[in-house]
Amino acid sequence: FACHFPGDPVMPGCLGLDAMWQLIGFFLGWRGGAGRGRALGAGEVKFTGQVTPKNQMVTYHIDMKRVIMRKLVMGIGDAVMQVDGREIYFAKDLRVGLFTSTDQF
């Protein structure tokens, strides 16, 4: 928190969003998908609060809407991040793919 921002410590919002993408990728791997997870996009993202050093608990809730386990391994889900029981981040239609090769990226 010390560097973001000096005198006004706040967890960067992109870290919370990235955690949501990573949880979808983790779920795909847990379901047996192979490869490296890559965020492919989001339909809508809203930040309505912040995480500071005073907060005690951050919780993520992921609602998987679609899972494709073919040659293409992809998950689509909605996600919420809560801090101390209050919803502060919402993301709709998060898309994550698993890729066995990332050479073309």
PDB file of N, CA and C in Angstrom:
ATOM      1  N   PHE A   1       0.812  -1.204   0.000  1.00  0.00           N
ATOM      2  CA  PHE A   1       0.000   0.000   0.000  1.00  0.00           C
ATOM      3  C   PHE A   1       0.855   1.268   0.000  1.00  0.00           C
ATOM      4  N   ALA A   2       2.083   1.196   0.424  1.00  0.00           N
ATOM      5  CA  ALA A   2       2.886   2.409   0.618  1.00  0.00           C
ATOM      6  C   ALA A   2       3.083   3.215  -0.664  1.00  0.00           C
ATOM      7  N   CYS A   3       3.188   2.540  -1.808  1.00  0.00           N
ATOM      8  CA  CYS A   3       3.460   3.279  -3.045  1.00  0.00           C
ATOM      9  C   CYS A   3       2.188   3.653  -3.803  1.00  0.00           C
ATOM     10  N   HIS A   4       1.033   3.206  -3.371  1.00  0.00           N
ATOM     11  CA  HIS A   4      -0.230   3.471  -4.089  1.00  0.00           C
ATOM     12  C   HIS A   4      -1.283   3.885  -3.079  1.00  0.00           C
ATOM     13  N   PHE A   5      -1.387   4.997  -2.730  1.00  0.00           N
ATOM     14  CA  PHE A   5      -0.673   6.221  -3.075  1.00  0.00           C
ATOM     15  C   PHE A   5       0.015   6.745  -1.815  1.00  0.00           C
ATOM     16  N   PRO A   6       1.147   7.413  -1.925  1.00  0.00           N
ATOM     17  CA  PRO A   6       1.806   7.950  -0.736  1.00  0.00           C
ATOM     18  C   PRO A   6       0.859   8.866   0.049  1.00  0.00           C
ATOM     19  N   GLY A   7       0.658   8.537   1.311  1.00  0.00           N
ATOM     20  CA  GLY A   7      -0.231   9.331   2.157  1.00  0.00           C
ATOM     21  C   GLY A   7      -1.704   8.991   2.004  1.00  0.00           C
ATOM     22  N   ASP A   8      -2.069   8.175   1.017  1.00  0.00           N
ATOM     23  CA  ASP A   8      -3.462   7.781   0.771  1.00  0.00           C
ATOM     24  C   ASP A   8      -3.469   6.327   0.290  1.00  0.00           C
ATOM     25  N   PRO A   9      -3.131   5.369   1.170  1.00  0.00           N
ATOM     26  CA  PRO A   9      -2.947   3.980   0.743  1.00  0.00           C
ATOM     27  C   PRO A   9      -4.244   3.295   0.317  1.00  0.00           C
ATOM     28  N   VAL A  10      -4.244   2.802  -0.926  1.00  0.00           N
ATOM     29  CA  VAL A  10      -5.397   2.120  -1.514  1.00  0.00           C
ATOM     30  C   VAL A  10      -4.880   0.953  -2.363  1.00  0.00           C
ATOM     31  N   MET A  11      -5.528  -0.211  -2.246  1.00  0.00           N
ATOM     32  CA  MET A  11      -5.176  -1.325  -3.125  1.00  0.00           C
ATOM     33  C   MET A  11      -5.591  -0.963  -4.550  1.00  0.00           C
ATOM     34  N   PRO A  12      -4.706  -1.122  -5.540  1.00  0.00           N
ATOM     35  CA  PRO A  12      -5.091  -0.826  -6.922  1.00  0.00           C
ATOM     36  C   PRO A  12      -6.292  -1.664  -7.358  1.00  0.00           C
ATOM     37  N   GLY A  13      -7.269  -1.017  -7.953  1.00  0.00           N
ATOM     38  CA  GLY A  13      -8.469  -1.717  -8.401  1.00  0.00           C
ATOM     39  C   GLY A  13      -8.182  -2.826  -9.387  1.00  0.00           C
ATOM     40  N   CYS A  14      -7.139  -2.648 -10.208  1.00  0.00           N
ATOM     41  CA  CYS A  14      -6.816  -3.670 -11.203  1.00  0.00           C
ATOM     42  C   CYS A  14      -6.392  -4.983 -10.545  1.00  0.00           C
ATOM     43  N   LEU A  15      -5.877  -4.928  -9.307  1.00  0.00           N
ATOM     44  CA  LEU A  15      -5.510  -6.167  -8.621  1.00  0.00           C
ATOM     45  C   LEU A  15      -6.745  -6.988  -8.263  1.00  0.00           C
ATOM     46  N   GLY A  16      -7.802  -6.319  -7.848  1.00  0.00           N
ATOM     47  CA  GLY A  16      -9.050  -7.019  -7.553  1.00  0.00           C
ATOM     48  C   GLY A  16      -9.659  -7.625  -8.802  1.00  0.00           C
ATOM     49  N   LEU A  17      -9.628  -6.877  -9.889  1.00  0.00           N
ATOM     50  CA  LEU A  17     -10.152  -7.377 -11.162  1.00  0.00           C
ATOM     51  C   LEU A  17      -9.326  -8.567 -11.643  1.00  0.00           C
ATOM     52  N   ASP A  18      -8.004  -8.464 -11.538  1.00  0.00           N
ATOM     53  CA  ASP A  18      -7.137  -9.562 -11.952  1.00  0.00           C
ATOM     54  C   ASP A  18      -7.404 -10.814 -11.120  1.00  0.00           C
ATOM     55  N   ALA A  19      -7.662 -10.642  -9.833  1.00  0.00           N
ATOM     56  CA  ALA A  19      -7.974 -11.796  -8.982  1.00  0.00           C
ATOM     57  C   ALA A  19      -9.227 -12.514  -9.478  1.00  0.00           C
ATOM     58  N   MET A  20     -10.210 -11.752  -9.938  1.00  0.00           N
ATOM     59  CA  MET A  20     -11.431 -12.365 -10.470  1.00  0.00           C
ATOM     60  C   MET A  20     -11.117 -13.207 -11.705  1.00  0.00           C
ATOM     61  N   TRP A  21     -10.322 -12.653 -12.618  1.00  0.00           N
ATOM     62  CA  TRP A  21      -9.912 -13.413 -13.806  1.00  0.00           C
ATOM     63  C   TRP A  21      -9.135 -14.669 -13.398  1.00  0.00           C
ATOM     64  N   GLN A  22      -8.219 -14.523 -12.438  1.00  0.00           N
ATOM     65  CA  GLN A  22      -7.407 -15.663 -12.016  1.00  0.00           C
ATOM     66  C   GLN A  22      -8.252 -16.764 -11.394  1.00  0.00           C
ATOM     67  N   LEU A  23      -9.276 -16.394 -10.640  1.00  0.00           N
ATOM     68  CA  LEU A  23     -10.145 -17.409 -10.041  1.00  0.00           C
ATOM     69  C   LEU A  23     -10.909 -18.191 -11.109  1.00  0.00           C
ATOM     70  N   ILE A  24     -11.318 -17.526 -12.171  1.00  0.00           N
ATOM     71  CA  ILE A  24     -11.975 -18.242 -13.274  1.00  0.00           C
ATOM     72  C   ILE A  24     -10.978 -19.192 -13.935  1.00  0.00           C
ATOM     73  N   GLY A  25      -9.749 -18.730 -14.162  1.00  0.00           N
ATOM     74  CA  GLY A  25      -8.715 -19.599 -14.730  1.00  0.00           C
ATOM     75  C   GLY A  25      -8.408 -20.786 -13.831  1.00  0.00           C
ATOM     76  N   PHE A  26      -8.343 -20.549 -12.525  1.00  0.00           N
ATOM     77  CA  PHE A  26      -8.112 -21.632 -11.572  1.00  0.00           C
ATOM     78  C   PHE A  26      -9.229 -22.669 -11.667  1.00  0.00           C
ATOM     79  N   PHE A  27     -10.469 -22.195 -11.761  1.00  0.00           N
ATOM     80  CA  PHE A  27     -11.613 -23.099 -11.876  1.00  0.00           C
ATOM     81  C   PHE A  27     -11.499 -23.959 -13.132  1.00  0.00           C
ATOM     82  N   LEU A  28     -11.100 -23.350 -14.247  1.00  0.00           N
ATOM     83  CA  LEU A  28     -10.949 -24.111 -15.493  1.00  0.00           C
ATOM     84  C   LEU A  28      -9.896 -25.204 -15.346  1.00  0.00           C
ATOM     85  N   GLY A  29      -8.788 -24.879 -14.687  1.00  0.00           N
ATOM     86  CA  GLY A  29      -7.756 -25.880 -14.432  1.00  0.00           C
ATOM     87  C   GLY A  29      -8.244 -26.971 -13.490  1.00  0.00           C
ATOM     88  N   TRP A  30      -8.985 -26.582 -12.480  1.00  0.00           N
ATOM     89  CA  TRP A  30      -9.549 -27.535 -11.528  1.00  0.00           C
ATOM     90  C   TRP A  30     -10.501 -28.501 -12.226  1.00  0.00           C
ATOM     91  N   ARG A  31     -11.201 -28.010 -13.245  1.00  0.00           N
ATOM     92  CA  ARG A  31     -12.124 -28.851 -14.022  1.00  0.00           C
ATOM     93  C   ARG A  31     -11.388 -29.757 -15.014  1.00  0.00           C
ATOM     94  N   GLY A  32     -10.061 -29.627 -15.102  1.00  0.00           N
ATOM     95  CA  GLY A  32      -9.288 -30.499 -15.979  1.00  0.00           C
ATOM     96  C   GLY A  32      -8.743 -29.833 -17.221  1.00  0.00           C
ATOM     97  N   GLY A  33      -8.989 -28.550 -17.399  1.00  0.00           N
ATOM     98  CA  GLY A  33      -8.457 -27.834 -18.548  1.00  0.00           C
ATOM     99  C   GLY A  33      -6.945 -27.690 -18.452  1.00  0.00           C
ATOM    100  N   ALA A  34      -6.273 -27.801 -19.587  1.00  0.00           N
ATOM    101  CA  ALA A  34      -4.814 -27.675 -19.624  1.00  0.00           C
ATOM    102  C   ALA A  34      -4.427 -26.330 -20.214  1.00  0.00           C
ATOM    103  N   GLY A  35      -3.294 -25.828 -19.784  1.00  0.00           N
ATOM    104  CA  GLY A  35      -2.757 -24.613 -20.381  1.00  0.00           C
ATOM    105  C   GLY A  35      -2.592 -23.484 -19.391  1.00  0.00           C
ATOM    106  N   ARG A  36      -2.179 -22.374 -19.949  1.00  0.00           N
ATOM    107  CA  ARG A  36      -1.940 -21.149 -19.175  1.00  0.00           C
ATOM    108  C   ARG A  36      -3.143 -20.231 -19.317  1.00  0.00           C
ATOM    109  N   GLY A  37      -3.586 -19.700 -18.207  1.00  0.00           N
ATOM    110  CA  GLY A  37      -4.749 -18.819 -18.222  1.00  0.00           C
ATOM    111  C   GLY A  37      -4.419 -17.441 -18.756  1.00  0.00           C
ATOM    112  N   ARG A  38      -5.318 -16.908 -19.547  1.00  0.00           N
ATOM    113  CA  ARG A  38      -5.195 -15.553 -20.074  1.00  0.00           C
ATOM    114  C   ARG A  38      -6.554 -14.869 -20.015  1.00  0.00           C
ATOM    115  N   ALA A  39      -6.564 -13.670 -19.479  1.00  0.00           N
ATOM    116  CA  ALA A  39      -7.787 -12.866 -19.472  1.00  0.00           C
ATOM    117  C   ALA A  39      -8.099 -12.461 -20.905  1.00  0.00           C
ATOM    118  N   LEU A  40      -9.353 -12.632 -21.300  1.00  0.00           N
ATOM    119  CA  LEU A  40      -9.764 -12.319 -22.666  1.00  0.00           C
ATOM    120  C   LEU A  40     -10.699 -11.122 -22.749  1.00  0.00           C
ATOM    121  N   GLY A  41     -11.167 -10.637 -21.621  1.00  0.00           N
ATOM    122  CA  GLY A  41     -12.022  -9.461 -21.667  1.00  0.00           C
ATOM    123  C   GLY A  41     -13.055  -9.457 -20.568  1.00  0.00           C
ATOM    124  N   ALA A  42     -13.831  -8.397 -20.578  1.00  0.00           N
ATOM    125  CA  ALA A  42     -14.917  -8.223 -19.614  1.00  0.00           C
ATOM    126  C   ALA A  42     -16.012  -7.404 -20.271  1.00  0.00           C
ATOM    127  N   GLY A  43     -17.244  -7.740 -19.950  1.00  0.00           N
ATOM    128  CA  GLY A  43     -18.363  -6.990 -20.503  1.00  0.00           C
ATOM    129  C   GLY A  43     -18.586  -5.676 -19.785  1.00  0.00           C
ATOM    130  N   GLU A  44     -18.475  -5.703 -18.461  1.00  0.00           N
ATOM    131  CA  GLU A  44     -18.750  -4.509 -17.660  1.00  0.00           C
ATOM    132  C   GLU A  44     -17.998  -4.636 -16.343  1.00  0.00           C
ATOM    133  N   VAL A  45     -17.399  -3.543 -15.894  1.00  0.00           N
ATOM    134  CA  VAL A  45     -16.695  -3.516 -14.611  1.00  0.00           C
ATOM    135  C   VAL A  45     -17.098  -2.253 -13.874  1.00  0.00           C
ATOM    136  N   LYS A  46     -17.418  -2.401 -12.583  1.00  0.00           N
ATOM    137  CA  LYS A  46     -17.756  -1.238 -11.756  1.00  0.00           C
ATOM    138  C   LYS A  46     -16.993  -1.316 -10.445  1.00  0.00           C
ATOM    139  N   PHE A  47     -16.413  -0.194 -10.058  1.00  0.00           N
ATOM    140  CA  PHE A  47     -15.766  -0.047  -8.759  1.00  0.00           C
ATOM    141  C   PHE A  47     -16.586   0.949  -7.949  1.00  0.00           C
ATOM    142  N   THR A  48     -17.049   0.537  -6.777  1.00  0.00           N
ATOM    143  CA  THR A  48     -17.864   1.437  -5.957  1.00  0.00           C
ATOM    144  C   THR A  48     -17.285   1.623  -4.561  1.00  0.00           C
ATOM    145  N   GLY A  49     -16.055   1.183  -4.369  1.00  0.00           N
ATOM    146  CA  GLY A  49     -15.405   1.321  -3.071  1.00  0.00           C
ATOM    147  C   GLY A  49     -13.929   1.030  -3.218  1.00  0.00           C
ATOM    148  N   GLN A  50     -13.243   0.940  -2.089  1.00  0.00           N
ATOM    149  CA  GLN A  50     -11.804   0.720  -2.118  1.00  0.00           C
ATOM    150  C   GLN A  50     -11.377  -0.160  -0.951  1.00  0.00           C
ATOM    151  N   VAL A  51     -10.176  -0.735  -1.087  1.00  0.00           N
ATOM    152  CA  VAL A  51      -9.575  -1.534  -0.030  1.00  0.00           C
ATOM    153  C   VAL A  51      -8.421  -0.727   0.542  1.00  0.00           C
ATOM    154  N   THR A  52      -8.432  -0.547   1.847  1.00  0.00           N
ATOM    155  CA  THR A  52      -7.368   0.181   2.536  1.00  0.00           C
ATOM    156  C   THR A  52      -6.790  -0.717   3.628  1.00  0.00           C
ATOM    157  N   PRO A  53      -5.668  -0.326   4.223  1.00  0.00           N
ATOM    158  CA  PRO A  53      -5.081  -1.137   5.293  1.00  0.00           C
ATOM    159  C   PRO A  53      -6.016  -1.340   6.493  1.00  0.00           C
ATOM    160  N   LYS A  54      -7.019  -0.513   6.647  1.00  0.00           N
ATOM    161  CA  LYS A  54      -7.956  -0.655   7.769  1.00  0.00           C
ATOM    162  C   LYS A  54      -8.916  -1.830   7.585  1.00  0.00           C
ATOM    163  N   ASN A  55      -9.118  -2.264   6.347  1.00  0.00           N
ATOM    164  CA  ASN A  55     -10.058  -3.350   6.082  1.00  0.00           C
ATOM    165  C   ASN A  55      -9.517  -4.676   6.601  1.00  0.00           C
ATOM    166  N   GLN A  56     -10.446  -5.582   6.936  1.00  0.00           N
ATOM    167  CA  GLN A  56     -10.083  -6.863   7.540  1.00  0.00           C
ATOM    168  C   GLN A  56     -10.169  -8.049   6.582  1.00  0.00           C
ATOM    169  N   MET A  57     -11.189  -8.067   5.709  1.00  0.00           N
ATOM    170  CA  MET A  57     -11.391  -9.251   4.876  1.00  0.00           C
ATOM    171  C   MET A  57     -11.876  -8.887   3.474  1.00  0.00           C
ATOM    172  N   VAL A  58     -11.236  -9.494   2.492  1.00  0.00           N
ATOM    173  CA  VAL A  58     -11.653  -9.371   1.096  1.00  0.00           C
ATOM    174  C   VAL A  58     -12.175 -10.740   0.660  1.00  0.00           C
ATOM    175  N   THR A  59     -13.357 -10.758   0.047  1.00  0.00           N
ATOM    176  CA  THR A  59     -14.006 -11.996  -0.367  1.00  0.00           C
ATOM    177  C   THR A  59     -14.410 -11.886  -1.835  1.00  0.00           C
ATOM    178  N   TYR A  60     -14.213 -12.975  -2.567  1.00  0.00           N
ATOM    179  CA  TYR A  60     -14.595 -13.022  -3.979  1.00  0.00           C
ATOM    180  C   TYR A  60     -15.710 -14.041  -4.172  1.00  0.00           C
ATOM    181  N   HIS A  61     -16.674 -13.708  -5.014  1.00  0.00           N
ATOM    182  CA  HIS A  61     -17.754 -14.616  -5.394  1.00  0.00           C
ATOM    183  C   HIS A  61     -17.790 -14.657  -6.922  1.00  0.00           C
ATOM    184  N   ILE A  62     -17.666 -15.849  -7.476  1.00  0.00           N
ATOM    185  CA  ILE A  62     -17.670 -16.023  -8.925  1.00  0.00           C
ATOM    186  C   ILE A  62     -18.885 -16.868  -9.305  1.00  0.00           C
ATOM    187  N   ASP A  63     -19.657 -16.390 -10.254  1.00  0.00           N
ATOM    188  CA  ASP A  63     -20.802 -17.128 -10.788  1.00  0.00           C
ATOM    189  C   ASP A  63     -20.449 -17.537 -12.212  1.00  0.00           C
ATOM    190  N   MET A  64     -20.087 -18.808 -12.388  1.00  0.00           N
ATOM    191  CA  MET A  64     -19.716 -19.295 -13.715  1.00  0.00           C
ATOM    192  C   MET A  64     -20.976 -19.426 -14.564  1.00  0.00           C
ATOM    193  N   LYS A  65     -20.992 -18.707 -15.684  1.00  0.00           N
ATOM    194  CA  LYS A  65     -22.153 -18.715 -16.569  1.00  0.00           C
ATOM    195  C   LYS A  65     -21.999 -19.714 -17.711  1.00  0.00           C
ATOM    196  N   ARG A  66     -20.749 -19.911 -18.142  1.00  0.00           N
ATOM    197  CA  ARG A  66     -20.510 -20.828 -19.262  1.00  0.00           C
ATOM    198  C   ARG A  66     -19.096 -21.375 -19.159  1.00  0.00           C
ATOM    199  N   VAL A  67     -18.966 -22.667 -19.398  1.00  0.00           N
ATOM    200  CA  VAL A  67     -17.657 -23.320 -19.420  1.00  0.00           C
ATOM    201  C   VAL A  67     -17.572 -24.138 -20.704  1.00  0.00           C
ATOM    202  N   ILE A  68     -16.537 -23.883 -21.487  1.00  0.00           N
ATOM    203  CA  ILE A  68     -16.288 -24.615 -22.728  1.00  0.00           C
ATOM    204  C   ILE A  68     -15.026 -25.445 -22.510  1.00  0.00           C
ATOM    205  N   MET A  69     -15.142 -26.765 -22.654  1.00  0.00           N
ATOM    206  CA  MET A  69     -14.006 -27.664 -22.438  1.00  0.00           C
ATOM    207  C   MET A  69     -13.788 -28.498 -23.700  1.00  0.00           C
ATOM    208  N   ARG A  70     -13.438 -27.833 -24.764  1.00  0.00           N
ATOM    209  CA  ARG A  70     -13.152 -28.513 -26.030  1.00  0.00           C
ATOM    210  C   ARG A  70     -11.724 -28.158 -26.418  1.00  0.00           C
ATOM    211  N   LYS A  71     -11.468 -28.047 -27.722  1.00  0.00           N
ATOM    212  CA  LYS A  71     -10.148 -27.578 -28.145  1.00  0.00           C
ATOM    213  C   LYS A  71      -9.903 -26.198 -27.548  1.00  0.00           C
ATOM    214  N   LEU A  72     -10.947 -25.394 -27.532  1.00  0.00           N
ATOM    215  CA  LEU A  72     -10.921 -24.112 -26.831  1.00  0.00           C
ATOM    216  C   LEU A  72     -11.405 -24.358 -25.409  1.00  0.00           C
ATOM    217  N   VAL A  73     -10.589 -23.975 -24.434  1.00  0.00           N
ATOM    218  CA  VAL A  73     -11.005 -24.039 -23.032  1.00  0.00           C
ATOM    219  C   VAL A  73     -11.244 -22.603 -22.591  1.00  0.00           C
ATOM    220  N   MET A  74     -12.496 -22.293 -22.256  1.00  0.00           N
ATOM    221  CA  MET A  74     -12.833 -20.921 -21.897  1.00  0.00           C
ATOM    222  C   MET A  74     -13.940 -20.918 -20.852  1.00  0.00           C
ATOM    223  N   GLY A  75     -13.842 -19.952 -19.958  1.00  0.00           N
ATOM    224  CA  GLY A  75     -14.889 -19.750 -18.969  1.00  0.00           C
ATOM    225  C   GLY A  75     -15.398 -18.329 -19.036  1.00  0.00           C
ATOM    226  N   ILE A  76     -16.692 -18.175 -18.809  1.00  0.00           N
ATOM    227  CA  ILE A  76     -17.325 -16.859 -18.758  1.00  0.00           C
ATOM    228  C   ILE A  76     -18.081 -16.783 -17.441  1.00  0.00           C
ATOM    229  N   GLY A  77     -17.851 -15.719 -16.695  1.00  0.00           N
ATOM    230  CA  GLY A  77     -18.522 -15.609 -15.412  1.00  0.00           C
ATOM    231  C   GLY A  77     -18.712 -14.176 -14.968  1.00  0.00           C
ATOM    232  N   ASP A  78     -19.606 -14.020 -14.012  1.00  0.00           N
ATOM    233  CA  ASP A  78     -19.802 -12.744 -13.333  1.00  0.00           C
ATOM    234  C   ASP A  78     -19.111 -12.848 -11.978  1.00  0.00           C
ATOM    235  N   ALA A  79     -18.624 -11.732 -11.470  1.00  0.00           N
ATOM    236  CA  ALA A  79     -17.885 -11.771 -10.213  1.00  0.00           C
ATOM    237  C   ALA A  79     -18.170 -10.543  -9.361  1.00  0.00           C
ATOM    238  N   VAL A  80     -18.043 -10.754  -8.064  1.00  0.00           N
ATOM    239  CA  VAL A  80     -18.203  -9.688  -7.080  1.00  0.00           C
ATOM    240  C   VAL A  80     -17.033  -9.777  -6.111  1.00  0.00           C
ATOM    241  N   MET A  81     -16.491  -8.633  -5.750  1.00  0.00           N
ATOM    242  CA  MET A  81     -15.501  -8.573  -4.683  1.00  0.00           C
ATOM    243  C   MET A  81     -16.104  -7.779  -3.542  1.00  0.00           C
ATOM    244  N   GLN A  82     -16.015  -8.345  -2.341  1.00  0.00           N
ATOM    245  CA  GLN A  82     -16.512  -7.662  -1.153  1.00  0.00           C
ATOM    246  C   GLN A  82     -15.351  -7.344  -0.230  1.00  0.00           C
ATOM    247  N   VAL A  83     -15.465  -6.243   0.476  1.00  0.00           N
ATOM    248  CA  VAL A  83     -14.518  -5.925   1.534  1.00  0.00           C
ATOM    249  C   VAL A  83     -15.332  -5.740   2.810  1.00  0.00           C
ATOM    250  N   ASP A  84     -14.964  -6.510   3.815  1.00  0.00           N
ATOM    251  CA  ASP A  84     -15.672  -6.483   5.100  1.00  0.00           C
ATOM    252  C   ASP A  84     -17.185  -6.608   4.916  1.00  0.00           C
ATOM    253  N   GLY A  85     -17.599  -7.477   3.995  1.00  0.00           N
ATOM    254  CA  GLY A  85     -19.006  -7.758   3.771  1.00  0.00           C
ATOM    255  C   GLY A  85     -19.740  -6.809   2.841  1.00  0.00           C
ATOM    256  N   ARG A  86     -19.053  -5.793   2.335  1.00  0.00           N
ATOM    257  CA  ARG A  86     -19.701  -4.810   1.455  1.00  0.00           C
ATOM    258  C   ARG A  86     -19.181  -4.981   0.031  1.00  0.00           C
ATOM    259  N   GLU A  87     -20.110  -5.108  -0.935  1.00  0.00           N
ATOM    260  CA  GLU A  87     -19.731  -5.261  -2.338  1.00  0.00           C
ATOM    261  C   GLU A  87     -19.117  -3.962  -2.846  1.00  0.00           C
ATOM    262  N   ILE A  88     -17.883  -4.076  -3.374  1.00  0.00           N
ATOM    263  CA  ILE A  88     -17.231  -2.862  -3.883  1.00  0.00           C
ATOM    264  C   ILE A  88     -16.795  -2.979  -5.341  1.00  0.00           C
ATOM    265  N   TYR A  89     -16.609  -4.199  -5.855  1.00  0.00           N
ATOM    266  CA  TYR A  89     -16.271  -4.388  -7.266  1.00  0.00           C
ATOM    267  C   TYR A  89     -17.280  -5.361  -7.850  1.00  0.00           C
ATOM    268  N   PHE A  90     -17.710  -5.082  -9.073  1.00  0.00           N
ATOM    269  CA  PHE A  90     -18.613  -5.975  -9.795  1.00  0.00           C
ATOM    270  C   PHE A  90     -18.099  -6.087 -11.218  1.00  0.00           C
ATOM    271  N   ALA A  91     -18.043  -7.300 -11.725  1.00  0.00           N
ATOM    272  CA  ALA A  91     -17.620  -7.512 -13.112  1.00  0.00           C
ATOM    273  C   ALA A  91     -18.569  -8.508 -13.760  1.00  0.00           C
ATOM    274  N   LYS A  92     -19.002  -8.174 -14.956  1.00  0.00           N
ATOM    275  CA  LYS A  92     -19.941  -9.013 -15.693  1.00  0.00           C
ATOM    276  C   LYS A  92     -19.260  -9.545 -16.948  1.00  0.00           C
ATOM    277  N   ASP A  93     -19.553 -10.781 -17.269  1.00  0.00           N
ATOM    278  CA  ASP A  93     -19.038 -11.433 -18.481  1.00  0.00           C
ATOM    279  C   ASP A  93     -17.514 -11.416 -18.562  1.00  0.00           C
ATOM    280  N   LEU A  94     -16.860 -11.758 -17.457  1.00  0.00           N
ATOM    281  CA  LEU A  94     -15.410 -11.938 -17.489  1.00  0.00           C
ATOM    282  C   LEU A  94     -15.105 -13.174 -18.325  1.00  0.00           C
ATOM    283  N   ARG A  95     -14.134 -13.059 -19.222  1.00  0.00           N
ATOM    284  CA  ARG A  95     -13.773 -14.171 -20.095  1.00  0.00           C
ATOM    285  C   ARG A  95     -12.310 -14.544 -19.871  1.00  0.00           C
ATOM    286  N   VAL A  96     -12.083 -15.842 -19.672  1.00  0.00           N
ATOM    287  CA  VAL A  96     -10.735 -16.370 -19.473  1.00  0.00           C
ATOM    288  C   VAL A  96     -10.578 -17.608 -20.339  1.00  0.00           C
ATOM    289  N   GLY A  97      -9.429 -17.709 -21.004  1.00  0.00           N
ATOM    290  CA  GLY A  97      -9.114 -18.895 -21.792  1.00  0.00           C
ATOM    291  C   GLY A  97      -7.865 -19.563 -21.263  1.00  0.00           C
ATOM    292  N   LEU A  98      -7.763 -20.873 -21.478  1.00  0.00           N
ATOM    293  CA  LEU A  98      -6.539 -21.612 -21.181  1.00  0.00           C
ATOM    294  C   LEU A  98      -5.886 -21.975 -22.501  1.00  0.00           C
ATOM    295  N   PHE A  99      -4.594 -21.708 -22.599  1.00  0.00           N
ATOM    296  CA  PHE A  99      -3.865 -21.916 -23.850  1.00  0.00           C
ATOM    297  C   PHE A  99      -2.640 -22.784 -23.594  1.00  0.00           C
ATOM    298  N   THR A 100      -2.469 -23.842 -24.398  1.00  0.00           N
ATOM    299  CA  THR A 100      -1.304 -24.705 -24.249  1.00  0.00           C
ATOM    300  C   THR A 100      -0.062 -24.067 -24.852  1.00  0.00           C
ATOM    301  N   SER A 101      -0.245 -23.096 -25.730  1.00  0.00           N
ATOM    302  CA  SER A 101       0.873 -22.339 -26.292  1.00  0.00           C
ATOM    303  C   SER A 101       0.490 -20.861 -26.343  1.00  0.00           C
ATOM    304  N   THR A 102       1.399 -20.045 -25.877  1.00  0.00           N
ATOM    305  CA  THR A 102       1.167 -18.594 -25.941  1.00  0.00           C
ATOM    306  C   THR A 102       2.164 -17.927 -26.883  1.00  0.00           C
ATOM    307  N   ASP A 103       2.776 -18.710 -27.768  1.00  0.00           N
ATOM    308  CA  ASP A 103       3.774 -18.174 -28.698  1.00  0.00           C
ATOM    309  C   ASP A 103       3.203 -17.114 -29.630  1.00  0.00           C
ATOM    310  N   GLN A 104       1.933 -17.199 -29.962  1.00  0.00           N
ATOM    311  CA  GLN A 104       1.324 -16.252 -30.903  1.00  0.00           C
ATOM    312  C   GLN A 104       0.775 -14.998 -30.221  1.00  0.00           C
ATOM    313  N   PHE A 105       0.939 -14.881 -28.924  1.00  0.00           N
ATOM    314  CA  PHE A 105       0.402 -13.720 -28.210  1.00  0.00           C
ATOM    315  C   PHE A 105       1.328 -12.571 -28.378  1.00  0.00           C
TER     316      PHE A 105
END
